[in-house]
Amino acid sequence: MKTTDTSPAPRIIVAAFDAGQRMPSREDLATLDEQLRDELARLAGLARGAALTVPPRSRAWYALTAAIDAAEDADRLVMGNGPLTAALHVAELARRVLGLRDALEVTQQ
């Protein structure tokens, strides 16, 4: 997908999903949290713009608005203090990044 090809998202997503196994330091998890939130904001902006270009109530519109809502919900969460809760948190943010990427791909079809 052209809108996300140059993003660092794949590397960040892998690190986020791997965090539950590796249990990185709190500082590393905080960095991942920040990077994932930046990617969520970037993709949510693209998704909002894409939602304006597709017919309302279409499959693409629903995919985009649902992904935006889910990303906003995840963005409201605060990373936990424990290593496992923090790892689960960054994994959830990564899932929402993937959800936005998938929704944006629907508009490219």
PDB file of N, CA and C in Angstrom:
ATOM      1  N   MET A   1       0.841  -1.166   0.000  1.00  0.00           N
ATOM      2  CA  MET A   1       0.000   0.000   0.000  1.00  0.00           C
ATOM      3  C   MET A   1       0.889   1.232   0.000  1.00  0.00           C
ATOM      4  N   LYS A   2       0.659   2.141  -0.882  1.00  0.00           N
ATOM      5  CA  LYS A   2       1.524   3.294  -1.059  1.00  0.00           C
ATOM      6  C   LYS A   2       1.564   4.215   0.151  1.00  0.00           C
ATOM      7  N   THR A   3       0.476   4.323   0.889  1.00  0.00           N
ATOM      8  CA  THR A   3       0.432   5.269   2.006  1.00  0.00           C
ATOM      9  C   THR A   3       1.244   4.808   3.206  1.00  0.00           C
ATOM     10  N   THR A   4       1.626   3.546   3.269  1.00  0.00           N
ATOM     11  CA  THR A   4       2.341   3.056   4.442  1.00  0.00           C
ATOM     12  C   THR A   4       3.655   2.374   4.102  1.00  0.00           C
ATOM     13  N   ASP A   5       4.039   2.302   2.828  1.00  0.00           N
ATOM     14  CA  ASP A   5       5.246   1.584   2.439  1.00  0.00           C
ATOM     15  C   ASP A   5       6.510   2.122   3.093  1.00  0.00           C
ATOM     16  N   THR A   6       6.614   3.413   3.304  1.00  0.00           N
ATOM     17  CA  THR A   6       7.839   3.995   3.837  1.00  0.00           C
ATOM     18  C   THR A   6       7.816   4.145   5.357  1.00  0.00           C
ATOM     19  N   SER A   7       6.764   3.720   6.005  1.00  0.00           N
ATOM     20  CA  SER A   7       6.672   3.900   7.452  1.00  0.00           C
ATOM     21  C   SER A   7       7.532   2.870   8.181  1.00  0.00           C
ATOM     22  N   PRO A   8       7.924   3.190   9.416  1.00  0.00           N
ATOM     23  CA  PRO A   8       8.672   2.230  10.223  1.00  0.00           C
ATOM     24  C   PRO A   8       7.758   1.207  10.901  1.00  0.00           C
ATOM     25  N   ALA A   9       6.486   1.221  10.558  1.00  0.00           N
ATOM     26  CA  ALA A   9       5.499   0.397  11.256  1.00  0.00           C
ATOM     27  C   ALA A   9       5.837  -1.087  11.309  1.00  0.00           C
ATOM     28  N   PRO A  10       6.272  -1.725  10.233  1.00  0.00           N
ATOM     29  CA  PRO A  10       6.532  -3.169  10.333  1.00  0.00           C
ATOM     30  C   PRO A  10       7.532  -3.523  11.436  1.00  0.00           C
ATOM     31  N   ARG A  11       8.613  -2.768  11.528  1.00  0.00           N
ATOM     32  CA  ARG A  11       9.624  -3.032  12.557  1.00  0.00           C
ATOM     33  C   ARG A  11       9.053  -2.799  13.958  1.00  0.00           C
ATOM     34  N   ILE A  12       8.292  -1.732  14.110  1.00  0.00           N
ATOM     35  CA  ILE A  12       7.705  -1.398  15.408  1.00  0.00           C
ATOM     36  C   ILE A  12       6.681  -2.455  15.815  1.00  0.00           C
ATOM     37  N   ILE A  13       5.875  -2.897  14.864  1.00  0.00           N
ATOM     38  CA  ILE A  13       4.848  -3.902  15.154  1.00  0.00           C
ATOM     39  C   ILE A  13       5.483  -5.208  15.602  1.00  0.00           C
ATOM     40  N   VAL A  14       6.525  -5.637  14.915  1.00  0.00           N
ATOM     41  CA  VAL A  14       7.223  -6.868  15.302  1.00  0.00           C
ATOM     42  C   VAL A  14       7.776  -6.726  16.717  1.00  0.00           C
ATOM     43  N   ALA A  15       8.396  -5.599  17.011  1.00  0.00           N
ATOM     44  CA  ALA A  15       8.948  -5.381  18.351  1.00  0.00           C
ATOM     45  C   ALA A  15       7.852  -5.385  19.408  1.00  0.00           C
ATOM     46  N   ALA A  16       6.694  -4.800  19.089  1.00  0.00           N
ATOM     47  CA  ALA A  16       5.592  -4.756  20.054  1.00  0.00           C
ATOM     48  C   ALA A  16       5.056  -6.153  20.338  1.00  0.00           C
ATOM     49  N   PHE A  17       4.861  -6.948  19.294  1.00  0.00           N
ATOM     50  CA  PHE A  17       4.353  -8.302  19.504  1.00  0.00           C
ATOM     51  C   PHE A  17       5.392  -9.201  20.171  1.00  0.00           C
ATOM     52  N   ASP A  18       6.656  -8.900  19.977  1.00  0.00           N
ATOM     53  CA  ASP A  18       7.731  -9.682  20.582  1.00  0.00           C
ATOM     54  C   ASP A  18       7.962  -9.296  22.042  1.00  0.00           C
ATOM     55  N   ALA A  19       7.436  -8.157  22.465  1.00  0.00           N
ATOM     56  CA  ALA A  19       7.685  -7.653  23.819  1.00  0.00           C
ATOM     57  C   ALA A  19       7.213  -8.620  24.897  1.00  0.00           C
ATOM     58  N   GLY A  20       6.134  -9.338  24.648  1.00  0.00           N
ATOM     59  CA  GLY A  20       5.640 -10.296  25.636  1.00  0.00           C
ATOM     60  C   GLY A  20       6.591 -11.453  25.869  1.00  0.00           C
ATOM     61  N   GLN A  21       7.400 -11.765  24.880  1.00  0.00           N
ATOM     62  CA  GLN A  21       8.390 -12.837  25.011  1.00  0.00           C
ATOM     63  C   GLN A  21       9.706 -12.329  25.593  1.00  0.00           C
ATOM     64  N   ARG A  22      10.163 -11.190  25.099  1.00  0.00           N
ATOM     65  CA  ARG A  22      11.473 -10.668  25.487  1.00  0.00           C
ATOM     66  C   ARG A  22      11.446  -9.879  26.787  1.00  0.00           C
ATOM     67  N   MET A  23      10.310  -9.296  27.119  1.00  0.00           N
ATOM     68  CA  MET A  23      10.169  -8.416  28.280  1.00  0.00           C
ATOM     69  C   MET A  23      11.261  -7.339  28.294  1.00  0.00           C
ATOM     70  N   PRO A  24      11.204  -6.417  27.323  1.00  0.00           N
ATOM     71  CA  PRO A  24      12.203  -5.345  27.275  1.00  0.00           C
ATOM     72  C   PRO A  24      12.064  -4.402  28.466  1.00  0.00           C
ATOM     73  N   SER A  25      13.031  -3.529  28.599  1.00  0.00           N
ATOM     74  CA  SER A  25      13.024  -2.578  29.716  1.00  0.00           C
ATOM     75  C   SER A  25      11.841  -1.620  29.592  1.00  0.00           C
ATOM     76  N   ARG A  26      11.525  -0.987  30.696  1.00  0.00           N
ATOM     77  CA  ARG A  26      10.439   0.000  30.729  1.00  0.00           C
ATOM     78  C   ARG A  26      10.705   1.128  29.727  1.00  0.00           C
ATOM     79  N   GLU A  27      11.953   1.537  29.622  1.00  0.00           N
ATOM     80  CA  GLU A  27      12.312   2.608  28.690  1.00  0.00           C
ATOM     81  C   GLU A  27      12.063   2.179  27.243  1.00  0.00           C
ATOM     82  N   ASP A  28      12.419   0.932  26.915  1.00  0.00           N
ATOM     83  CA  ASP A  28      12.184   0.425  25.559  1.00  0.00           C
ATOM     84  C   ASP A  28      10.692   0.333  25.265  1.00  0.00           C
ATOM     85  N   LEU A  29       9.921  -0.100  26.256  1.00  0.00           N
ATOM     86  CA  LEU A  29       8.470  -0.177  26.071  1.00  0.00           C
ATOM     87  C   LEU A  29       7.866   1.217  25.914  1.00  0.00           C
ATOM     88  N   ALA A  30       8.377   2.177  26.661  1.00  0.00           N
ATOM     89  CA  ALA A  30       7.889   3.552  26.533  1.00  0.00           C
ATOM     90  C   ALA A  30       8.212   4.113  25.148  1.00  0.00           C
ATOM     91  N   THR A  31       9.375   3.771  24.618  1.00  0.00           N
ATOM     92  CA  THR A  31       9.737   4.193  23.262  1.00  0.00           C
ATOM     93  C   THR A  31       8.804   3.566  22.241  1.00  0.00           C
ATOM     94  N   LEU A  32       8.538   2.272  22.391  1.00  0.00           N
ATOM     95  CA  LEU A  32       7.589   1.593  21.501  1.00  0.00           C
ATOM     96  C   LEU A  32       6.211   2.231  21.592  1.00  0.00           C
ATOM     97  N   ASP A  33       5.779   2.518  22.810  1.00  0.00           N
ATOM     98  CA  ASP A  33       4.487   3.163  23.021  1.00  0.00           C
ATOM     99  C   ASP A  33       4.416   4.479  22.244  1.00  0.00           C
ATOM    100  N   GLU A  34       5.444   5.284  22.360  1.00  0.00           N
ATOM    101  CA  GLU A  34       5.475   6.579  21.670  1.00  0.00           C
ATOM    102  C   GLU A  34       5.471   6.398  20.149  1.00  0.00           C
ATOM    103  N   GLN A  35       6.271   5.463  19.658  1.00  0.00           N
ATOM    104  CA  GLN A  35       6.334   5.230  18.213  1.00  0.00           C
ATOM    105  C   GLN A  35       5.004   4.712  17.675  1.00  0.00           C
ATOM    106  N   LEU A  36       4.377   3.816  18.416  1.00  0.00           N
ATOM    107  CA  LEU A  36       3.090   3.275  17.979  1.00  0.00           C
ATOM    108  C   LEU A  36       2.004   4.346  18.010  1.00  0.00           C
ATOM    109  N   ARG A  37       2.015   5.190  19.021  1.00  0.00           N
ATOM    110  CA  ARG A  37       1.035   6.287  19.079  1.00  0.00           C
ATOM    111  C   ARG A  37       1.235   7.262  17.912  1.00  0.00           C
ATOM    112  N   ASP A  38       2.488   7.536  17.570  1.00  0.00           N
ATOM    113  CA  ASP A  38       2.757   8.396  16.414  1.00  0.00           C
ATOM    114  C   ASP A  38       2.222   7.760  15.134  1.00  0.00           C
ATOM    115  N   GLU A  39       2.442   6.461  14.984  1.00  0.00           N
ATOM    116  CA  GLU A  39       1.956   5.754  13.795  1.00  0.00           C
ATOM    117  C   GLU A  39       0.430   5.706  13.779  1.00  0.00           C
ATOM    118  N   LEU A  40      -0.184   5.510  14.946  1.00  0.00           N
ATOM    119  CA  LEU A  40      -1.647   5.544  15.026  1.00  0.00           C
ATOM    120  C   LEU A  40      -2.183   6.900  14.581  1.00  0.00           C
ATOM    121  N   ALA A  41      -1.570   7.961  15.052  1.00  0.00           N
ATOM    122  CA  ALA A  41      -2.026   9.307  14.684  1.00  0.00           C
ATOM    123  C   ALA A  41      -1.866   9.536  13.183  1.00  0.00           C
ATOM    124  N   ARG A  42      -0.743   9.111  12.631  1.00  0.00           N
ATOM    125  CA  ARG A  42      -0.496   9.291  11.197  1.00  0.00           C
ATOM    126  C   ARG A  42      -1.524   8.529  10.372  1.00  0.00           C
ATOM    127  N   LEU A  43      -1.717   7.251  10.716  1.00  0.00           N
ATOM    128  CA  LEU A  43      -2.652   6.420   9.953  1.00  0.00           C
ATOM    129  C   LEU A  43      -4.100   6.854  10.163  1.00  0.00           C
ATOM    130  N   ALA A  44      -4.442   7.286  11.374  1.00  0.00           N
ATOM    131  CA  ALA A  44      -5.811   7.749  11.627  1.00  0.00           C
ATOM    132  C   ALA A  44      -6.119   8.978  10.777  1.00  0.00           C
ATOM    133  N   GLY A  45      -5.143   9.862  10.611  1.00  0.00           N
ATOM    134  CA  GLY A  45      -5.335  11.020   9.743  1.00  0.00           C
ATOM    135  C   GLY A  45      -5.566  10.608   8.298  1.00  0.00           C
ATOM    136  N   LEU A  46      -4.779   9.641   7.836  1.00  0.00           N
ATOM    137  CA  LEU A  46      -4.975   9.125   6.477  1.00  0.00           C
ATOM    138  C   LEU A  46      -6.343   8.463   6.341  1.00  0.00           C
ATOM    139  N   ALA A  47      -6.733   7.714   7.376  1.00  0.00           N
ATOM    140  CA  ALA A  47      -8.025   7.016   7.332  1.00  0.00           C
ATOM    141  C   ALA A  47      -9.186   8.007   7.340  1.00  0.00           C
ATOM    142  N   ARG A  48      -9.066   9.079   8.119  1.00  0.00           N
ATOM    143  CA  ARG A  48     -10.124  10.101   8.119  1.00  0.00           C
ATOM    144  C   ARG A  48     -10.270  10.727   6.730  1.00  0.00           C
ATOM    145  N   GLY A  49      -9.152  11.012   6.115  1.00  0.00           N
ATOM    146  CA  GLY A  49      -9.192  11.564   4.764  1.00  0.00           C
ATOM    147  C   GLY A  49      -9.781  10.579   3.769  1.00  0.00           C
ATOM    148  N   ALA A  50      -9.403   9.319   3.892  1.00  0.00           N
ATOM    149  CA  ALA A  50      -9.925   8.292   2.985  1.00  0.00           C
ATOM    150  C   ALA A  50     -11.421   8.097   3.191  1.00  0.00           C
ATOM    151  N   ALA A  51     -11.882   8.203   4.437  1.00  0.00           N
ATOM    152  CA  ALA A  51     -13.313   8.019   4.721  1.00  0.00           C
ATOM    153  C   ALA A  51     -14.157   9.096   4.042  1.00  0.00           C
ATOM    154  N   LEU A  52     -13.573  10.246   3.808  1.00  0.00           N
ATOM    155  CA  LEU A  52     -14.296  11.325   3.122  1.00  0.00           C
ATOM    156  C   LEU A  52     -14.412  11.085   1.617  1.00  0.00           C
ATOM    157  N   THR A  53     -13.588  10.189   1.097  1.00  0.00           N
ATOM    158  CA  THR A  53     -13.566   9.961  -0.352  1.00  0.00           C
ATOM    159  C   THR A  53     -14.376   8.751  -0.791  1.00  0.00           C
ATOM    160  N   VAL A  54     -14.853   7.958   0.157  1.00  0.00           N
ATOM    161  CA  VAL A  54     -15.635   6.771  -0.200  1.00  0.00           C
ATOM    162  C   VAL A  54     -17.107   7.038   0.104  1.00  0.00           C
ATOM    163  N   PRO A  55     -17.996   6.309  -0.540  1.00  0.00           N
ATOM    164  CA  PRO A  55     -19.424   6.523  -0.270  1.00  0.00           C
ATOM    165  C   PRO A  55     -19.767   6.225   1.196  1.00  0.00           C
ATOM    166  N   PRO A  56     -20.530   7.117   1.834  1.00  0.00           N
ATOM    167  CA  PRO A  56     -20.956   6.858   3.213  1.00  0.00           C
ATOM    168  C   PRO A  56     -21.708   5.532   3.305  1.00  0.00           C
ATOM    169  N   ARG A  57     -21.469   4.834   4.388  1.00  0.00           N
ATOM    170  CA  ARG A  57     -22.111   3.555   4.689  1.00  0.00           C
ATOM    171  C   ARG A  57     -21.667   2.418   3.766  1.00  0.00           C
ATOM    172  N   SER A  58     -20.631   2.639   2.997  1.00  0.00           N
ATOM    173  CA  SER A  58     -20.093   1.569   2.153  1.00  0.00           C
ATOM    174  C   SER A  58     -19.197   0.667   3.002  1.00  0.00           C
ATOM    175  N   ARG A  59     -18.791  -0.455   2.439  1.00  0.00           N
ATOM    176  CA  ARG A  59     -17.908  -1.382   3.151  1.00  0.00           C
ATOM    177  C   ARG A  59     -16.613  -0.670   3.566  1.00  0.00           C
ATOM    178  N   ALA A  60     -16.038   0.091   2.655  1.00  0.00           N
ATOM    179  CA  ALA A  60     -14.798   0.805   2.952  1.00  0.00           C
ATOM    180  C   ALA A  60     -15.013   1.852   4.046  1.00  0.00           C
ATOM    181  N   TRP A  61     -16.134   2.564   3.993  1.00  0.00           N
ATOM    182  CA  TRP A  61     -16.423   3.582   5.000  1.00  0.00           C
ATOM    183  C   TRP A  61     -16.530   2.946   6.386  1.00  0.00           C
ATOM    184  N   TYR A  62     -17.264   1.835   6.474  1.00  0.00           N
ATOM    185  CA  TYR A  62     -17.390   1.148   7.761  1.00  0.00           C
ATOM    186  C   TYR A  62     -16.040   0.632   8.252  1.00  0.00           C
ATOM    187  N   ALA A  63     -15.247   0.072   7.362  1.00  0.00           N
ATOM    188  CA  ALA A  63     -13.924  -0.426   7.754  1.00  0.00           C
ATOM    189  C   ALA A  63     -13.059   0.710   8.290  1.00  0.00           C
ATOM    190  N   LEU A  64     -13.080   1.825   7.610  1.00  0.00           N
ATOM    191  CA  LEU A  64     -12.271   2.968   8.033  1.00  0.00           C
ATOM    192  C   LEU A  64     -12.749   3.546   9.360  1.00  0.00           C
ATOM    193  N   THR A  65     -14.047   3.780   9.489  1.00  0.00           N
ATOM    194  CA  THR A  65     -14.542   4.395  10.727  1.00  0.00           C
ATOM    195  C   THR A  65     -14.384   3.454  11.925  1.00  0.00           C
ATOM    196  N   ALA A  66     -14.571   2.163  11.713  1.00  0.00           N
ATOM    197  CA  ALA A  66     -14.374   1.206  12.814  1.00  0.00           C
ATOM    198  C   ALA A  66     -12.909   1.171  13.241  1.00  0.00           C
ATOM    199  N   ALA A  67     -12.001   1.189  12.284  1.00  0.00           N
ATOM    200  CA  ALA A  67     -10.573   1.175  12.611  1.00  0.00           C
ATOM    201  C   ALA A  67     -10.159   2.463  13.319  1.00  0.00           C
ATOM    202  N   ILE A  68     -10.712   3.586  12.882  1.00  0.00           N
ATOM    203  CA  ILE A  68     -10.413   4.865  13.537  1.00  0.00           C
ATOM    204  C   ILE A  68     -10.914   4.848  14.978  1.00  0.00           C
ATOM    205  N   ASP A  69     -12.147   4.397  15.188  1.00  0.00           N
ATOM    206  CA  ASP A  69     -12.705   4.331  16.544  1.00  0.00           C
ATOM    207  C   ASP A  69     -11.875   3.418  17.443  1.00  0.00           C
ATOM    208  N   ALA A  70     -11.491   2.250  16.930  1.00  0.00           N
ATOM    209  CA  ALA A  70     -10.696   1.308  17.723  1.00  0.00           C
ATOM    210  C   ALA A  70      -9.330   1.902  18.056  1.00  0.00           C
ATOM    211  N   ALA A  71      -8.734   2.604  17.111  1.00  0.00           N
ATOM    212  CA  ALA A  71      -7.435   3.231  17.352  1.00  0.00           C
ATOM    213  C   ALA A  71      -7.548   4.332  18.403  1.00  0.00           C
ATOM    214  N   GLU A  72      -8.612   5.114  18.327  1.00  0.00           N
ATOM    215  CA  GLU A  72      -8.809   6.178  19.322  1.00  0.00           C
ATOM    216  C   GLU A  72      -9.029   5.593  20.712  1.00  0.00           C
ATOM    217  N   ASP A  73      -9.765   4.490  20.791  1.00  0.00           N
ATOM    218  CA  ASP A  73      -9.962   3.827  22.084  1.00  0.00           C
ATOM    219  C   ASP A  73      -8.625   3.358  22.656  1.00  0.00           C
ATOM    220  N   ALA A  74      -7.812   2.721  21.836  1.00  0.00           N
ATOM    221  CA  ALA A  74      -6.512   2.224  22.296  1.00  0.00           C
ATOM    222  C   ALA A  74      -5.590   3.372  22.677  1.00  0.00           C
ATOM    223  N   ASP A  75      -5.690   4.479  21.965  1.00  0.00           N
ATOM    224  CA  ASP A  75      -4.830   5.629  22.238  1.00  0.00           C
ATOM    225  C   ASP A  75      -5.153   6.269  23.587  1.00  0.00           C
ATOM    226  N   ARG A  76      -6.356   6.070  24.083  1.00  0.00           N
ATOM    227  CA  ARG A  76      -6.742   6.626  25.391  1.00  0.00           C
ATOM    228  C   ARG A  76      -6.144   5.837  26.560  1.00  0.00           C
ATOM    229  N   LEU A  77      -5.716   4.617  26.299  1.00  0.00           N
ATOM    230  CA  LEU A  77      -5.189   3.767  27.362  1.00  0.00           C
ATOM    231  C   LEU A  77      -3.796   4.219  27.780  1.00  0.00           C
ATOM    232  N   VAL A  78      -3.488   3.996  29.044  1.00  0.00           N
ATOM    233  CA  VAL A  78      -2.182   4.339  29.590  1.00  0.00           C
ATOM    234  C   VAL A  78      -1.400   3.049  29.788  1.00  0.00           C
ATOM    235  N   MET A  79      -0.131   3.081  29.445  1.00  0.00           N
ATOM    236  CA  MET A  79       0.709   1.903  29.600  1.00  0.00           C
ATOM    237  C   MET A  79       0.849   1.556  31.082  1.00  0.00           C
ATOM    238  N   GLY A  80       0.689   0.287  31.403  1.00  0.00           N
ATOM    239  CA  GLY A  80       0.793  -0.170  32.782  1.00  0.00           C
ATOM    240  C   GLY A  80       2.218  -0.087  33.310  1.00  0.00           C
ATOM    241  N   ASN A  81       2.357  -0.206  34.621  1.00  0.00           N
ATOM    242  CA  ASN A  81       3.672  -0.119  35.251  1.00  0.00           C
ATOM    243  C   ASN A  81       4.441  -1.428  35.221  1.00  0.00           C
ATOM    244  N   GLY A  82       3.735  -2.542  35.246  1.00  0.00           N
ATOM    245  CA  GLY A  82       4.400  -3.837  35.231  1.00  0.00           C
ATOM    246  C   GLY A  82       4.875  -4.213  33.839  1.00  0.00           C
ATOM    247  N   PRO A  83       5.878  -5.086  33.764  1.00  0.00           N
ATOM    248  CA  PRO A  83       6.410  -5.451  32.456  1.00  0.00           C
ATOM    249  C   PRO A  83       5.392  -6.164  31.561  1.00  0.00           C
ATOM    250  N   LEU A  84       4.581  -7.040  32.133  1.00  0.00           N
ATOM    251  CA  LEU A  84       3.607  -7.764  31.318  1.00  0.00           C
ATOM    252  C   LEU A  84       2.479  -6.846  30.857  1.00  0.00           C
ATOM    253  N   THR A  85       1.969  -6.014  31.750  1.00  0.00           N
ATOM    254  CA  THR A  85       0.890  -5.106  31.342  1.00  0.00           C
ATOM    255  C   THR A  85       1.383  -4.109  30.294  1.00  0.00           C
ATOM    256  N   ALA A  86       2.616  -3.654  30.431  1.00  0.00           N
ATOM    257  CA  ALA A  86       3.177  -2.740  29.434  1.00  0.00           C
ATOM    258  C   ALA A  86       3.355  -3.449  28.096  1.00  0.00           C
ATOM    259  N   ALA A  87       3.802  -4.702  28.123  1.00  0.00           N
ATOM    260  CA  ALA A  87       3.974  -5.472  26.887  1.00  0.00           C
ATOM    261  C   ALA A  87       2.627  -5.719  26.209  1.00  0.00           C
ATOM    262  N   LEU A  88       1.608  -6.039  27.001  1.00  0.00           N
ATOM    263  CA  LEU A  88       0.272  -6.232  26.432  1.00  0.00           C
ATOM    264  C   LEU A  88      -0.262  -4.932  25.841  1.00  0.00           C
ATOM    265  N   HIS A  89       0.040  -3.832  26.489  1.00  0.00           N
ATOM    266  CA  HIS A  89      -0.405  -2.525  26.007  1.00  0.00           C
ATOM    267  C   HIS A  89       0.195  -2.201  24.641  1.00  0.00           C
ATOM    268  N   VAL A  90       1.499  -2.376  24.488  1.00  0.00           N
ATOM    269  CA  VAL A  90       2.108  -2.055  23.192  1.00  0.00           C
ATOM    270  C   VAL A  90       1.629  -3.027  22.116  1.00  0.00           C
ATOM    271  N   ALA A  91       1.346  -4.265  22.502  1.00  0.00           N
ATOM    272  CA  ALA A  91       0.794  -5.217  21.527  1.00  0.00           C
ATOM    273  C   ALA A  91      -0.590  -4.767  21.061  1.00  0.00           C
ATOM    274  N   GLU A  92      -1.388  -4.231  21.966  1.00  0.00           N
ATOM    275  CA  GLU A  92      -2.715  -3.727  21.584  1.00  0.00           C
ATOM    276  C   GLU A  92      -2.591  -2.526  20.644  1.00  0.00           C
ATOM    277  N   LEU A  93      -1.676  -1.635  20.928  1.00  0.00           N
ATOM    278  CA  LEU A  93      -1.454  -0.510  20.016  1.00  0.00           C
ATOM    279  C   LEU A  93      -1.026  -1.015  18.638  1.00  0.00           C
ATOM    280  N   ALA A  94      -0.175  -2.028  18.620  1.00  0.00           N
ATOM    281  CA  ALA A  94       0.269  -2.601  17.341  1.00  0.00           C
ATOM    282  C   ALA A  94      -0.906  -3.209  16.580  1.00  0.00           C
ATOM    283  N   ARG A  95      -1.809  -3.872  17.296  1.00  0.00           N
ATOM    284  CA  ARG A  95      -3.005  -4.429  16.641  1.00  0.00           C
ATOM    285  C   ARG A  95      -3.832  -3.323  15.996  1.00  0.00           C
ATOM    286  N   ARG A  96      -3.934  -2.206  16.664  1.00  0.00           N
ATOM    287  CA  ARG A  96      -4.721  -1.093  16.122  1.00  0.00           C
ATOM    288  C   ARG A  96      -4.030  -0.460  14.915  1.00  0.00           C
ATOM    289  N   VAL A  97      -2.703  -0.423  14.925  1.00  0.00           N
ATOM    290  CA  VAL A  97      -1.966   0.043  13.744  1.00  0.00           C
ATOM    291  C   VAL A  97      -2.271  -0.877  12.564  1.00  0.00           C
ATOM    292  N   LEU A  98      -2.233  -2.178  12.808  1.00  0.00           N
ATOM    293  CA  LEU A  98      -2.549  -3.135  11.741  1.00  0.00           C
ATOM    294  C   LEU A  98      -3.983  -2.964  11.259  1.00  0.00           C
ATOM    295  N   GLY A  99      -4.901  -2.698  12.182  1.00  0.00           N
ATOM    296  CA  GLY A  99      -6.295  -2.487  11.804  1.00  0.00           C
ATOM    297  C   GLY A  99      -6.464  -1.288  10.888  1.00  0.00           C
ATOM    298  N   LEU A 100      -5.756  -0.212  11.186  1.00  0.00           N
ATOM    299  CA  LEU A 100      -5.820   0.972  10.326  1.00  0.00           C
ATOM    300  C   LEU A 100      -5.199   0.690   8.960  1.00  0.00           C
ATOM    301  N   ARG A 101      -4.079  -0.018   8.960  1.00  0.00           N
ATOM    302  CA  ARG A 101      -3.441  -0.357   7.681  1.00  0.00           C
ATOM    303  C   ARG A 101      -4.369  -1.218   6.830  1.00  0.00           C
ATOM    304  N   ASP A 102      -5.005  -2.183   7.453  1.00  0.00           N
ATOM    305  CA  ASP A 102      -5.942  -3.046   6.714  1.00  0.00           C
ATOM    306  C   ASP A 102      -7.116  -2.241   6.162  1.00  0.00           C
ATOM    307  N   ALA A 103      -7.657  -1.348   6.974  1.00  0.00           N
ATOM    308  CA  ALA A 103      -8.792  -0.533   6.527  1.00  0.00           C
ATOM    309  C   ALA A 103      -8.390   0.375   5.368  1.00  0.00           C
ATOM    310  N   LEU A 104      -7.191   0.915   5.418  1.00  0.00           N
ATOM    311  CA  LEU A 104      -6.722   1.750   4.317  1.00  0.00           C
ATOM    312  C   LEU A 104      -6.536   0.932   3.042  1.00  0.00           C
ATOM    313  N   GLU A 105      -6.143  -0.315   3.192  1.00  0.00           N
ATOM    314  CA  GLU A 105      -5.993  -1.181   2.016  1.00  0.00           C
ATOM    315  C   GLU A 105      -7.333  -1.458   1.354  1.00  0.00           C
ATOM    316  N   VAL A 106      -8.409  -1.512   2.136  1.00  0.00           N
ATOM    317  CA  VAL A 106      -9.747  -1.734   1.570  1.00  0.00           C
ATOM    318  C   VAL A 106     -10.084  -0.625   0.580  1.00  0.00           C
ATOM    319  N   THR A 107      -9.657   0.596   0.882  1.00  0.00           N
ATOM    320  CA  THR A 107      -9.967   1.715  -0.017  1.00  0.00           C
ATOM    321  C   THR A 107      -9.127   1.669  -1.287  1.00  0.00           C
ATOM    322  N   GLN A 108      -8.035   0.920  -1.267  1.00  0.00           N
ATOM    323  CA  GLN A 108      -7.175   0.813  -2.445  1.00  0.00           C
ATOM    324  C   GLN A 108      -7.674  -0.242  -3.430  1.00  0.00           C
ATOM    325  N   GLN A 109      -8.630  -1.065  -3.008  1.00  0.00           N
ATOM    326  CA  GLN A 109      -9.109  -2.164  -3.863  1.00  0.00           C
ATOM    327  C   GLN A 109     -10.110  -1.695  -4.875  1.00  0.00           C
TER     328      GLN A 109
END
